[in-house]
């Protein structure tokens, strides 16, 4: 299962992916990510490891993968590179071993099209504040939020699921829902910048 998460900068994409990975962790999945996530047994990998994994171990069990800013590794403009061919092969084979894969990007068209065409789910995130019994949108350029409002911060998620009708395939939106942000900040490094090659390798 491949689940893409999109949204502008500071929209809560990484937080929502961490929320989803936390649910997988509660179901005893080992987490493999390209960003720091503070859950026992998690592993942080670099791009080379992902390529090697796709070559040497086409079937993998009992893990969940999370990739922040995946476009850095699978840029749509680099579709001819060997790294993209191997990595997208790995992603597109994931349904055969029931491996949940989550990734974030600002825009879906940043991602290699072979991966875009195999999405099962797509979620769009934005930040809101719960005030006076209403969810009020936040300007996405507003990076720093008043500490007094942190407990009122929610991430609004619009989820799209793939439907197949004959040979026609489409992503259909569902009713928006909200998750409270504060409990999940402590589960990952909120200030980390994703590099093309991460420093930790296993």
N, C-alpha and C. Protein backbone atom coordinates (compact mmCIF):
# COMPACT_ATOMS: atom_id res chain seq x y z
N UNK A 1 0.85 -1.18 0.00
CA UNK A 1 0.00 0.00 0.00
C UNK A 1 0.89 1.24 0.00
N UNK A 2 0.66 2.12 -0.95
CA UNK A 2 1.42 3.37 -1.05
C UNK A 2 0.48 4.53 -0.76
N UNK A 3 0.86 5.34 0.22
CA UNK A 3 0.02 6.45 0.69
C UNK A 3 0.84 7.74 0.60
N UNK A 4 0.48 8.62 -0.32
CA UNK A 4 1.15 9.90 -0.48
C UNK A 4 0.47 10.98 0.35
N UNK A 5 1.27 11.89 0.90
CA UNK A 5 0.77 12.98 1.74
C UNK A 5 1.32 14.29 1.18
N UNK A 6 0.44 15.18 0.77
CA UNK A 6 0.89 16.42 0.14
C UNK A 6 0.37 17.63 0.91
N UNK A 7 0.99 18.77 0.64
CA UNK A 7 0.59 20.02 1.27
C UNK A 7 1.73 21.02 1.16
N UNK A 8 1.41 22.29 1.33
CA UNK A 8 2.43 23.32 1.28
C UNK A 8 3.38 23.21 2.47
N UNK A 9 4.44 24.01 2.46
CA UNK A 9 5.36 24.02 3.60
C UNK A 9 4.60 24.35 4.88
N UNK A 10 4.98 23.67 5.95
CA UNK A 10 4.39 23.90 7.28
C UNK A 10 2.91 23.52 7.36
N UNK A 11 2.48 22.60 6.52
CA UNK A 11 1.06 22.23 6.51
C UNK A 11 0.76 21.03 7.40
N UNK A 12 1.79 20.38 7.96
CA UNK A 12 1.56 19.23 8.85
C UNK A 12 1.76 17.89 8.18
N UNK A 13 2.42 17.86 7.03
CA UNK A 13 2.61 16.60 6.30
C UNK A 13 3.42 15.58 7.12
N UNK A 14 4.56 16.02 7.64
CA UNK A 14 5.42 15.11 8.37
C UNK A 14 4.75 14.66 9.66
N UNK A 15 4.03 15.56 10.30
CA UNK A 15 3.33 15.19 11.51
C UNK A 15 2.28 14.12 11.22
N UNK A 16 1.52 14.30 10.15
CA UNK A 16 0.50 13.30 9.83
C UNK A 16 1.14 11.97 9.46
N UNK A 17 2.24 11.99 8.71
CA UNK A 17 2.91 10.73 8.40
C UNK A 17 3.41 10.05 9.67
N UNK A 18 3.94 10.84 10.61
CA UNK A 18 4.40 10.26 11.88
C UNK A 18 3.23 9.64 12.64
N UNK A 19 2.09 10.29 12.60
CA UNK A 19 0.87 9.74 13.21
C UNK A 19 0.54 8.37 12.60
N UNK A 20 0.61 8.27 11.27
CA UNK A 20 0.30 7.01 10.59
C UNK A 20 1.35 5.93 10.91
N UNK A 21 2.61 6.34 10.97
CA UNK A 21 3.67 5.39 11.31
C UNK A 21 3.54 4.92 12.76
N UNK A 22 3.13 5.81 13.64
CA UNK A 22 2.91 5.43 15.03
C UNK A 22 1.84 4.34 15.13
N UNK A 23 0.78 4.46 14.33
CA UNK A 23 -0.25 3.42 14.31
C UNK A 23 0.33 2.09 13.84
N UNK A 24 1.21 2.13 12.84
CA UNK A 24 1.86 0.90 12.37
C UNK A 24 2.76 0.30 13.46
N UNK A 25 3.47 1.17 14.16
CA UNK A 25 4.34 0.74 15.26
C UNK A 25 3.54 0.05 16.36
N UNK A 26 2.37 0.57 16.65
CA UNK A 26 1.51 -0.06 17.66
C UNK A 26 1.07 -1.46 17.24
N UNK A 27 1.07 -1.70 15.91
CA UNK A 27 0.74 -3.03 15.38
C UNK A 27 1.99 -3.86 15.13
N UNK A 28 3.08 -3.51 15.84
CA UNK A 28 4.33 -4.28 15.86
C UNK A 28 5.12 -4.24 14.56
N UNK A 29 4.89 -3.23 13.74
CA UNK A 29 5.71 -3.06 12.54
C UNK A 29 7.01 -2.34 12.92
N UNK A 30 8.13 -2.78 12.33
CA UNK A 30 9.36 -2.01 12.47
C UNK A 30 9.30 -0.84 11.50
N UNK A 31 9.72 0.33 11.96
CA UNK A 31 9.66 1.53 11.13
C UNK A 31 11.02 1.79 10.49
N UNK A 32 11.01 2.00 9.18
CA UNK A 32 12.20 2.38 8.44
C UNK A 32 11.90 3.71 7.77
N UNK A 33 12.70 4.72 8.06
CA UNK A 33 12.41 6.08 7.60
C UNK A 33 13.68 6.77 7.12
N UNK A 34 13.49 7.90 6.44
CA UNK A 34 14.63 8.75 6.08
C UNK A 34 14.70 9.99 6.96
N UNK A 35 13.97 9.99 8.06
CA UNK A 35 14.02 11.10 9.02
C UNK A 35 13.98 10.55 10.43
N UNK A 36 14.37 11.37 11.40
CA UNK A 36 14.45 10.92 12.79
C UNK A 36 13.07 10.77 13.38
N UNK A 37 12.75 9.54 13.77
CA UNK A 37 11.48 9.27 14.45
C UNK A 37 11.82 8.54 15.74
N UNK A 38 11.27 8.99 16.86
CA UNK A 38 11.72 8.55 18.17
C UNK A 38 10.82 7.45 18.72
N UNK A 39 10.80 6.32 18.03
CA UNK A 39 10.04 5.15 18.47
C UNK A 39 10.98 3.95 18.49
N UNK A 40 10.90 3.16 19.52
CA UNK A 40 11.84 2.05 19.74
C UNK A 40 11.89 1.11 18.53
N UNK A 41 13.11 0.79 18.12
CA UNK A 41 13.31 -0.15 17.02
C UNK A 41 13.31 0.48 15.64
N UNK A 42 13.07 1.79 15.57
CA UNK A 42 13.05 2.46 14.27
C UNK A 42 14.45 2.55 13.68
N UNK A 43 14.54 2.51 12.35
CA UNK A 43 15.81 2.62 11.65
C UNK A 43 15.75 3.76 10.65
N UNK A 44 16.81 4.54 10.61
CA UNK A 44 16.92 5.61 9.63
C UNK A 44 17.87 5.17 8.53
N UNK A 45 17.46 5.35 7.28
CA UNK A 45 18.26 4.86 6.16
C UNK A 45 18.63 6.00 5.22
N UNK A 46 19.55 5.69 4.30
CA UNK A 46 19.86 6.65 3.25
C UNK A 46 19.39 6.10 1.90
N UNK A 47 19.58 6.88 0.86
CA UNK A 47 19.07 6.51 -0.46
C UNK A 47 19.72 5.24 -0.98
N UNK A 48 21.02 5.08 -0.73
CA UNK A 48 21.72 3.89 -1.21
C UNK A 48 21.13 2.62 -0.61
N UNK A 49 20.79 2.69 0.67
CA UNK A 49 20.22 1.51 1.32
C UNK A 49 18.90 1.11 0.67
N UNK A 50 18.08 2.09 0.32
CA UNK A 50 16.80 1.80 -0.33
C UNK A 50 17.02 1.10 -1.66
N UNK A 51 17.98 1.59 -2.44
CA UNK A 51 18.27 0.98 -3.74
C UNK A 51 18.77 -0.45 -3.55
N UNK A 52 19.68 -0.64 -2.58
CA UNK A 52 20.21 -1.98 -2.32
C UNK A 52 19.12 -2.92 -1.84
N UNK A 53 18.22 -2.41 -1.01
CA UNK A 53 17.13 -3.23 -0.49
C UNK A 53 16.25 -3.73 -1.64
N UNK A 54 15.96 -2.87 -2.59
CA UNK A 54 15.13 -3.26 -3.72
C UNK A 54 15.78 -4.32 -4.59
N UNK A 55 17.12 -4.32 -4.62
CA UNK A 55 17.83 -5.29 -5.45
C UNK A 55 17.95 -6.63 -4.74
N UNK A 56 18.39 -6.60 -3.47
CA UNK A 56 18.76 -7.85 -2.81
C UNK A 56 17.62 -8.52 -2.06
N UNK A 57 16.56 -7.77 -1.77
CA UNK A 57 15.49 -8.32 -0.94
C UNK A 57 14.14 -7.84 -1.47
N UNK A 58 13.68 -8.41 -2.59
CA UNK A 58 12.43 -7.92 -3.20
C UNK A 58 11.18 -8.13 -2.35
N UNK A 59 11.22 -9.09 -1.42
CA UNK A 59 10.08 -9.31 -0.53
C UNK A 59 10.54 -9.06 0.90
N UNK A 60 9.86 -8.15 1.59
CA UNK A 60 10.22 -7.82 2.96
C UNK A 60 8.97 -7.90 3.82
N UNK A 61 9.17 -8.29 5.07
CA UNK A 61 8.03 -8.55 5.95
C UNK A 61 8.07 -7.67 7.19
N UNK A 62 6.87 -7.38 7.68
CA UNK A 62 6.67 -6.79 9.00
C UNK A 62 7.38 -5.46 9.20
N UNK A 63 7.39 -4.63 8.16
CA UNK A 63 7.94 -3.29 8.31
C UNK A 63 6.95 -2.28 7.73
N UNK A 64 7.16 -1.03 8.08
CA UNK A 64 6.45 0.10 7.48
C UNK A 64 7.49 1.16 7.17
N UNK A 65 7.37 1.79 6.02
CA UNK A 65 8.35 2.76 5.57
C UNK A 65 7.76 4.16 5.50
N UNK A 66 8.55 5.16 5.89
CA UNK A 66 8.12 6.54 5.83
C UNK A 66 9.22 7.41 5.24
N UNK A 67 8.88 8.18 4.19
CA UNK A 67 9.87 8.99 3.50
C UNK A 67 9.39 10.44 3.44
N UNK A 68 10.10 11.29 4.19
CA UNK A 68 9.77 12.71 4.18
C UNK A 68 10.41 13.36 2.95
N UNK A 69 9.65 14.25 2.29
CA UNK A 69 10.13 14.94 1.09
C UNK A 69 10.73 13.95 0.09
N UNK A 70 9.94 12.98 -0.30
CA UNK A 70 10.43 11.90 -1.17
C UNK A 70 10.95 12.41 -2.51
N UNK A 71 10.48 13.57 -2.94
CA UNK A 71 10.93 14.11 -4.22
C UNK A 71 12.44 14.31 -4.26
N UNK A 72 13.07 14.47 -3.08
CA UNK A 72 14.53 14.64 -3.04
C UNK A 72 15.20 13.37 -3.56
N UNK A 73 14.57 12.21 -3.32
CA UNK A 73 15.12 10.93 -3.78
C UNK A 73 14.54 10.49 -5.11
N UNK A 74 13.28 10.80 -5.37
CA UNK A 74 12.62 10.34 -6.59
C UNK A 74 12.03 11.53 -7.34
N UNK A 75 12.88 12.40 -7.77
CA UNK A 75 12.46 13.62 -8.47
C UNK A 75 11.86 13.26 -9.82
N UNK A 76 10.71 13.84 -10.14
CA UNK A 76 10.05 13.57 -11.42
C UNK A 76 10.93 13.95 -12.61
N UNK A 77 11.85 14.91 -12.41
CA UNK A 77 12.70 15.35 -13.51
C UNK A 77 13.86 14.41 -13.76
N UNK A 78 14.05 13.42 -12.86
CA UNK A 78 15.20 12.52 -12.97
C UNK A 78 14.75 11.10 -13.32
N UNK A 79 13.69 10.98 -14.12
CA UNK A 79 13.06 9.69 -14.35
C UNK A 79 13.95 8.69 -15.05
N UNK A 80 14.99 9.13 -15.73
CA UNK A 80 15.83 8.21 -16.48
C UNK A 80 16.98 7.65 -15.65
N UNK A 81 17.20 8.19 -14.45
CA UNK A 81 18.32 7.74 -13.65
C UNK A 81 18.13 6.30 -13.17
N UNK A 82 19.22 5.59 -13.05
CA UNK A 82 19.18 4.21 -12.57
C UNK A 82 18.56 4.15 -11.17
N UNK A 83 18.93 5.15 -10.32
CA UNK A 83 18.42 5.15 -8.94
C UNK A 83 16.90 5.22 -8.93
N UNK A 84 16.32 6.02 -9.80
CA UNK A 84 14.87 6.13 -9.86
C UNK A 84 14.25 4.84 -10.37
N UNK A 85 14.87 4.20 -11.35
CA UNK A 85 14.32 2.96 -11.90
C UNK A 85 14.26 1.88 -10.83
N UNK A 86 15.35 1.74 -10.08
CA UNK A 86 15.41 0.70 -9.04
C UNK A 86 14.45 1.03 -7.90
N UNK A 87 14.48 2.29 -7.44
CA UNK A 87 13.66 2.66 -6.29
C UNK A 87 12.17 2.59 -6.61
N UNK A 88 11.77 3.05 -7.79
CA UNK A 88 10.35 2.99 -8.12
C UNK A 88 9.91 1.54 -8.33
N UNK A 89 10.80 0.70 -8.82
CA UNK A 89 10.48 -0.73 -8.91
C UNK A 89 10.18 -1.27 -7.51
N UNK A 90 11.01 -0.91 -6.55
CA UNK A 90 10.81 -1.36 -5.17
C UNK A 90 9.46 -0.88 -4.64
N UNK A 91 9.14 0.39 -4.83
CA UNK A 91 7.87 0.93 -4.35
C UNK A 91 6.69 0.24 -5.02
N UNK A 92 6.77 0.05 -6.31
CA UNK A 92 5.63 -0.49 -7.04
C UNK A 92 5.42 -1.98 -6.80
N UNK A 93 6.42 -2.67 -6.24
CA UNK A 93 6.27 -4.08 -5.89
C UNK A 93 5.74 -4.25 -4.46
N UNK A 94 5.56 -3.16 -3.74
CA UNK A 94 5.25 -3.24 -2.32
C UNK A 94 3.92 -3.94 -2.04
N UNK A 95 2.98 -3.88 -2.97
CA UNK A 95 1.67 -4.50 -2.72
C UNK A 95 1.78 -6.02 -2.60
N UNK A 96 2.82 -6.60 -3.16
CA UNK A 96 2.97 -8.05 -3.14
C UNK A 96 3.38 -8.58 -1.78
N UNK A 97 4.03 -7.73 -0.97
CA UNK A 97 4.40 -8.18 0.36
C UNK A 97 3.69 -7.39 1.46
N UNK A 98 2.63 -6.68 1.09
CA UNK A 98 1.78 -5.99 2.06
C UNK A 98 2.58 -5.03 2.94
N UNK A 99 3.49 -4.29 2.32
CA UNK A 99 4.30 -3.32 3.05
C UNK A 99 3.69 -1.94 2.92
N UNK A 100 3.27 -1.32 4.03
CA UNK A 100 2.75 0.04 3.95
C UNK A 100 3.88 1.04 3.76
N UNK A 101 3.74 1.91 2.76
CA UNK A 101 4.73 2.93 2.47
C UNK A 101 4.03 4.29 2.49
N UNK A 102 4.61 5.22 3.25
CA UNK A 102 4.08 6.58 3.35
C UNK A 102 5.15 7.55 2.87
N UNK A 103 4.73 8.59 2.16
CA UNK A 103 5.70 9.61 1.76
C UNK A 103 5.04 10.98 1.74
N UNK A 104 5.88 12.01 1.88
CA UNK A 104 5.38 13.38 1.79
C UNK A 104 6.05 14.10 0.62
N UNK A 105 5.33 15.07 0.08
CA UNK A 105 5.84 15.97 -0.95
C UNK A 105 4.95 17.20 -0.95
N UNK A 106 5.48 18.34 -1.39
CA UNK A 106 4.62 19.53 -1.45
C UNK A 106 3.58 19.38 -2.54
N UNK A 107 4.00 18.83 -3.68
CA UNK A 107 3.08 18.63 -4.81
C UNK A 107 3.29 17.23 -5.35
N UNK A 108 2.22 16.61 -5.77
CA UNK A 108 2.32 15.24 -6.26
C UNK A 108 3.15 15.15 -7.53
N UNK A 109 3.12 16.19 -8.36
CA UNK A 109 3.86 16.10 -9.62
C UNK A 109 5.37 16.26 -9.43
N UNK A 110 5.82 16.44 -8.18
CA UNK A 110 7.26 16.41 -7.90
C UNK A 110 7.80 14.99 -7.95
N UNK A 111 6.92 14.00 -7.81
CA UNK A 111 7.31 12.61 -7.67
C UNK A 111 7.31 11.90 -9.02
N UNK A 112 8.24 10.97 -9.18
CA UNK A 112 8.31 10.17 -10.39
C UNK A 112 6.93 9.60 -10.74
N UNK A 113 6.55 9.69 -12.01
CA UNK A 113 5.18 9.34 -12.40
C UNK A 113 4.86 7.87 -12.21
N UNK A 114 5.86 7.00 -12.23
CA UNK A 114 5.59 5.57 -12.01
C UNK A 114 5.07 5.32 -10.61
N UNK A 115 5.54 6.12 -9.67
CA UNK A 115 5.03 6.02 -8.30
C UNK A 115 3.66 6.67 -8.18
N UNK A 116 3.49 7.84 -8.81
CA UNK A 116 2.19 8.54 -8.76
C UNK A 116 1.06 7.65 -9.25
N UNK A 117 1.32 6.88 -10.30
CA UNK A 117 0.27 6.07 -10.91
C UNK A 117 -0.10 4.85 -10.07
N UNK A 118 0.69 4.55 -9.05
CA UNK A 118 0.42 3.37 -8.22
C UNK A 118 -0.02 3.73 -6.80
N UNK A 119 -0.40 4.97 -6.58
CA UNK A 119 -0.90 5.36 -5.26
C UNK A 119 -2.23 4.67 -4.96
N UNK A 120 -2.36 4.15 -3.74
CA UNK A 120 -3.66 3.68 -3.28
C UNK A 120 -4.41 4.77 -2.51
N UNK A 121 -3.64 5.63 -1.82
CA UNK A 121 -4.24 6.71 -1.05
C UNK A 121 -3.43 7.98 -1.24
N UNK A 122 -4.13 9.10 -1.15
CA UNK A 122 -3.49 10.41 -1.17
C UNK A 122 -4.17 11.27 -0.12
N UNK A 123 -3.37 11.94 0.70
CA UNK A 123 -3.93 12.84 1.72
C UNK A 123 -3.36 14.24 1.53
N UNK A 124 -4.23 15.23 1.69
CA UNK A 124 -3.81 16.63 1.60
C UNK A 124 -3.94 17.26 2.98
N UNK A 125 -2.88 17.91 3.45
CA UNK A 125 -2.84 18.45 4.81
C UNK A 125 -2.85 19.97 4.81
N UNK A 126 -3.42 20.53 5.87
CA UNK A 126 -3.32 21.96 6.15
C UNK A 126 -3.48 22.15 7.66
N UNK A 127 -2.98 23.27 8.18
CA UNK A 127 -3.06 23.53 9.61
C UNK A 127 -4.27 24.39 9.94
N UNK A 128 -4.88 24.10 11.07
CA UNK A 128 -6.01 24.89 11.56
C UNK A 128 -5.88 25.07 13.07
N UNK A 129 -6.54 26.10 13.57
CA UNK A 129 -6.62 26.35 15.01
C UNK A 129 -8.08 26.21 15.44
N UNK A 130 -8.28 25.49 16.54
CA UNK A 130 -9.63 25.33 17.06
C UNK A 130 -9.92 26.46 18.04
N UNK A 131 -10.75 27.42 17.63
CA UNK A 131 -11.12 28.57 18.45
C UNK A 131 -12.61 28.83 18.36
N UNK A 132 -13.22 29.07 19.49
CA UNK A 132 -14.64 29.42 19.55
C UNK A 132 -15.49 28.40 18.79
N UNK A 133 -15.18 27.13 19.03
CA UNK A 133 -15.94 26.01 18.45
C UNK A 133 -15.86 25.96 16.92
N UNK A 134 -14.78 26.54 16.36
CA UNK A 134 -14.60 26.49 14.90
C UNK A 134 -13.15 26.15 14.57
N UNK A 135 -12.97 25.48 13.43
CA UNK A 135 -11.64 25.21 12.90
C UNK A 135 -11.28 26.36 11.96
N UNK A 136 -10.25 27.12 12.32
CA UNK A 136 -9.86 28.31 11.57
C UNK A 136 -8.54 28.04 10.86
N UNK A 137 -8.48 28.18 9.53
CA UNK A 137 -7.24 27.93 8.79
C UNK A 137 -6.12 28.89 9.21
N UNK A 138 -4.88 28.38 9.14
CA UNK A 138 -3.70 29.18 9.44
C UNK A 138 -2.98 29.48 8.12
N UNK A 139 -2.46 30.69 8.01
CA UNK A 139 -1.62 31.04 6.86
C UNK A 139 -0.43 30.08 6.82
N UNK A 140 -0.25 29.34 5.71
CA UNK A 140 0.80 28.32 5.63
C UNK A 140 2.20 28.92 5.68
N UNK A 141 2.35 30.23 5.45
CA UNK A 141 3.66 30.86 5.56
C UNK A 141 4.04 31.18 7.00
N UNK A 142 3.09 30.99 7.90
CA UNK A 142 3.33 31.30 9.30
C UNK A 142 4.00 30.10 9.98
N UNK A 143 5.34 30.09 9.96
CA UNK A 143 6.09 28.94 10.45
C UNK A 143 5.96 28.76 11.96
N UNK A 144 6.09 29.87 12.70
CA UNK A 144 6.08 29.80 14.16
C UNK A 144 4.70 30.18 14.67
N UNK A 145 4.16 29.31 15.52
CA UNK A 145 2.84 29.55 16.10
C UNK A 145 3.01 30.00 17.54
N UNK A 146 2.19 30.92 17.98
CA UNK A 146 2.19 31.37 19.37
C UNK A 146 2.09 30.15 20.28
N UNK A 147 3.04 29.99 21.24
CA UNK A 147 3.01 28.83 22.14
C UNK A 147 1.67 28.64 22.85
N UNK A 148 0.96 29.75 23.08
CA UNK A 148 -0.34 29.65 23.75
C UNK A 148 -1.38 28.93 22.89
N UNK A 149 -1.09 28.85 21.58
CA UNK A 149 -2.05 28.21 20.67
C UNK A 149 -1.67 26.78 20.31
N UNK A 150 -0.51 26.32 20.78
CA UNK A 150 -0.05 24.98 20.40
C UNK A 150 -1.07 23.90 20.75
N UNK A 151 -1.72 24.06 21.89
CA UNK A 151 -2.68 23.04 22.31
C UNK A 151 -3.96 23.07 21.49
N UNK A 152 -4.11 24.12 20.67
CA UNK A 152 -5.32 24.25 19.83
C UNK A 152 -5.02 23.95 18.35
N UNK A 153 -3.78 23.53 18.09
CA UNK A 153 -3.39 23.26 16.71
C UNK A 153 -3.86 21.88 16.27
N UNK A 154 -4.50 21.83 15.12
CA UNK A 154 -4.94 20.57 14.50
C UNK A 154 -4.44 20.52 13.06
N UNK A 155 -4.32 19.31 12.55
CA UNK A 155 -4.03 19.12 11.13
C UNK A 155 -5.32 18.66 10.45
N UNK A 156 -5.72 19.39 9.44
CA UNK A 156 -6.88 19.01 8.65
C UNK A 156 -6.42 18.10 7.52
N UNK A 157 -7.08 16.95 7.38
CA UNK A 157 -6.70 15.98 6.36
C UNK A 157 -7.88 15.70 5.44
N UNK A 158 -7.65 15.85 4.16
CA UNK A 158 -8.61 15.40 3.15
C UNK A 158 -7.99 14.18 2.49
N UNK A 159 -8.64 13.04 2.64
CA UNK A 159 -8.10 11.79 2.10
C UNK A 159 -8.79 11.42 0.80
N UNK A 160 -7.97 11.01 -0.15
CA UNK A 160 -8.47 10.54 -1.44
C UNK A 160 -8.13 9.06 -1.56
N UNK A 161 -9.10 8.26 -1.96
CA UNK A 161 -8.86 6.82 -2.15
C UNK A 161 -9.06 6.44 -3.60
N UNK A 162 -8.26 5.50 -4.04
CA UNK A 162 -8.34 5.08 -5.44
C UNK A 162 -9.52 4.14 -5.66
N UNK A 163 -10.26 4.41 -6.71
CA UNK A 163 -11.31 3.49 -7.13
C UNK A 163 -11.00 3.05 -8.56
N UNK A 164 -11.40 1.85 -8.89
CA UNK A 164 -11.20 1.33 -10.23
C UNK A 164 -12.55 0.96 -10.83
N UNK A 165 -12.84 1.51 -11.97
CA UNK A 165 -14.09 1.19 -12.67
C UNK A 165 -13.69 0.75 -14.08
N UNK A 166 -13.69 -0.57 -14.29
CA UNK A 166 -13.22 -1.08 -15.57
C UNK A 166 -11.75 -0.73 -15.72
N UNK A 167 -11.41 -0.06 -16.80
CA UNK A 167 -10.02 0.34 -17.01
C UNK A 167 -9.78 1.77 -16.52
N UNK A 168 -10.80 2.41 -15.95
CA UNK A 168 -10.67 3.79 -15.49
C UNK A 168 -10.31 3.82 -14.00
N UNK A 169 -9.34 4.63 -13.66
CA UNK A 169 -8.90 4.74 -12.28
C UNK A 169 -8.90 6.19 -11.85
N UNK A 170 -9.36 6.44 -10.61
CA UNK A 170 -9.40 7.82 -10.14
C UNK A 170 -9.23 7.85 -8.62
N UNK A 171 -8.83 9.02 -8.10
CA UNK A 171 -8.74 9.24 -6.67
C UNK A 171 -9.93 10.09 -6.24
N UNK A 172 -10.71 9.55 -5.32
CA UNK A 172 -11.97 10.18 -4.92
C UNK A 172 -11.84 10.72 -3.49
N UNK A 173 -12.20 12.01 -3.25
CA UNK A 173 -12.06 12.59 -1.91
C UNK A 173 -13.11 12.08 -0.94
N UNK A 174 -12.72 12.04 0.32
CA UNK A 174 -13.64 11.70 1.40
C UNK A 174 -13.79 12.91 2.32
N UNK A 175 -14.68 12.80 3.28
CA UNK A 175 -14.96 13.90 4.18
C UNK A 175 -13.71 14.24 5.00
N UNK A 176 -13.35 15.53 5.15
CA UNK A 176 -12.17 15.91 5.93
C UNK A 176 -12.28 15.46 7.39
N UNK A 177 -11.12 15.20 7.99
CA UNK A 177 -11.08 14.93 9.43
C UNK A 177 -9.86 15.63 10.00
N UNK A 178 -9.74 15.63 11.33
CA UNK A 178 -8.73 16.43 12.00
C UNK A 178 -8.01 15.57 13.04
N UNK A 179 -6.71 15.82 13.20
CA UNK A 179 -5.97 15.21 14.31
C UNK A 179 -5.29 16.31 15.11
N UNK A 180 -5.26 16.14 16.42
CA UNK A 180 -4.60 17.12 17.28
C UNK A 180 -3.09 16.98 17.13
N UNK A 181 -2.39 18.08 16.93
CA UNK A 181 -0.97 18.03 16.60
C UNK A 181 -0.06 17.78 17.80
N UNK A 182 -0.35 18.40 18.93
CA UNK A 182 0.59 18.44 20.05
C UNK A 182 1.12 17.07 20.48
N UNK A 183 0.30 16.01 20.59
CA UNK A 183 0.83 14.73 21.07
C UNK A 183 1.89 14.11 20.16
N UNK A 184 1.99 14.55 18.91
CA UNK A 184 2.88 13.90 17.95
C UNK A 184 4.17 14.67 17.70
N UNK A 185 4.28 15.90 18.19
CA UNK A 185 5.52 16.66 18.01
C UNK A 185 6.71 15.95 18.64
N UNK A 186 6.48 15.29 19.77
CA UNK A 186 7.59 14.66 20.50
C UNK A 186 8.08 13.37 19.85
N UNK A 187 7.37 12.89 18.82
CA UNK A 187 7.73 11.61 18.21
C UNK A 187 8.74 11.73 17.07
N UNK A 188 9.07 12.96 16.66
CA UNK A 188 10.03 13.12 15.55
C UNK A 188 10.75 14.44 15.67
N UNK A 189 11.81 14.59 14.90
CA UNK A 189 12.62 15.80 14.91
C UNK A 189 11.95 16.84 14.01
N UNK A 190 11.27 17.80 14.60
CA UNK A 190 10.48 18.76 13.84
C UNK A 190 11.36 19.77 13.08
N UNK A 191 12.65 19.84 13.42
CA UNK A 191 13.53 20.82 12.78
C UNK A 191 14.47 20.18 11.75
N UNK A 192 14.33 18.89 11.53
CA UNK A 192 15.25 18.20 10.62
C UNK A 192 15.02 18.59 9.16
N UNK A 193 16.12 18.79 8.44
CA UNK A 193 16.06 19.03 7.01
C UNK A 193 16.52 17.77 6.29
N UNK A 194 15.70 17.31 5.34
CA UNK A 194 16.02 16.06 4.64
C UNK A 194 17.13 16.31 3.63
N UNK A 195 18.16 15.45 3.70
CA UNK A 195 19.27 15.53 2.76
C UNK A 195 19.15 14.44 1.71
N UNK A 196 19.83 14.64 0.59
CA UNK A 196 19.77 13.64 -0.46
C UNK A 196 20.37 12.32 0.01
N UNK A 197 21.41 12.39 0.82
CA UNK A 197 22.00 11.19 1.42
C UNK A 197 22.02 11.40 2.92
N UNK A 198 21.30 10.58 3.65
CA UNK A 198 21.26 10.69 5.10
C UNK A 198 22.57 10.21 5.68
N UNK A 199 22.89 10.63 6.91
CA UNK A 199 24.18 10.32 7.50
C UNK A 199 24.22 8.93 8.14
N UNK A 200 23.07 8.35 8.42
CA UNK A 200 23.02 7.06 9.10
C UNK A 200 22.67 5.97 8.10
N UNK A 201 23.41 4.88 8.16
CA UNK A 201 23.18 3.76 7.25
C UNK A 201 23.19 2.47 8.04
N UNK A 202 22.29 1.53 7.69
CA UNK A 202 22.28 0.25 8.41
C UNK A 202 22.54 -0.89 7.43
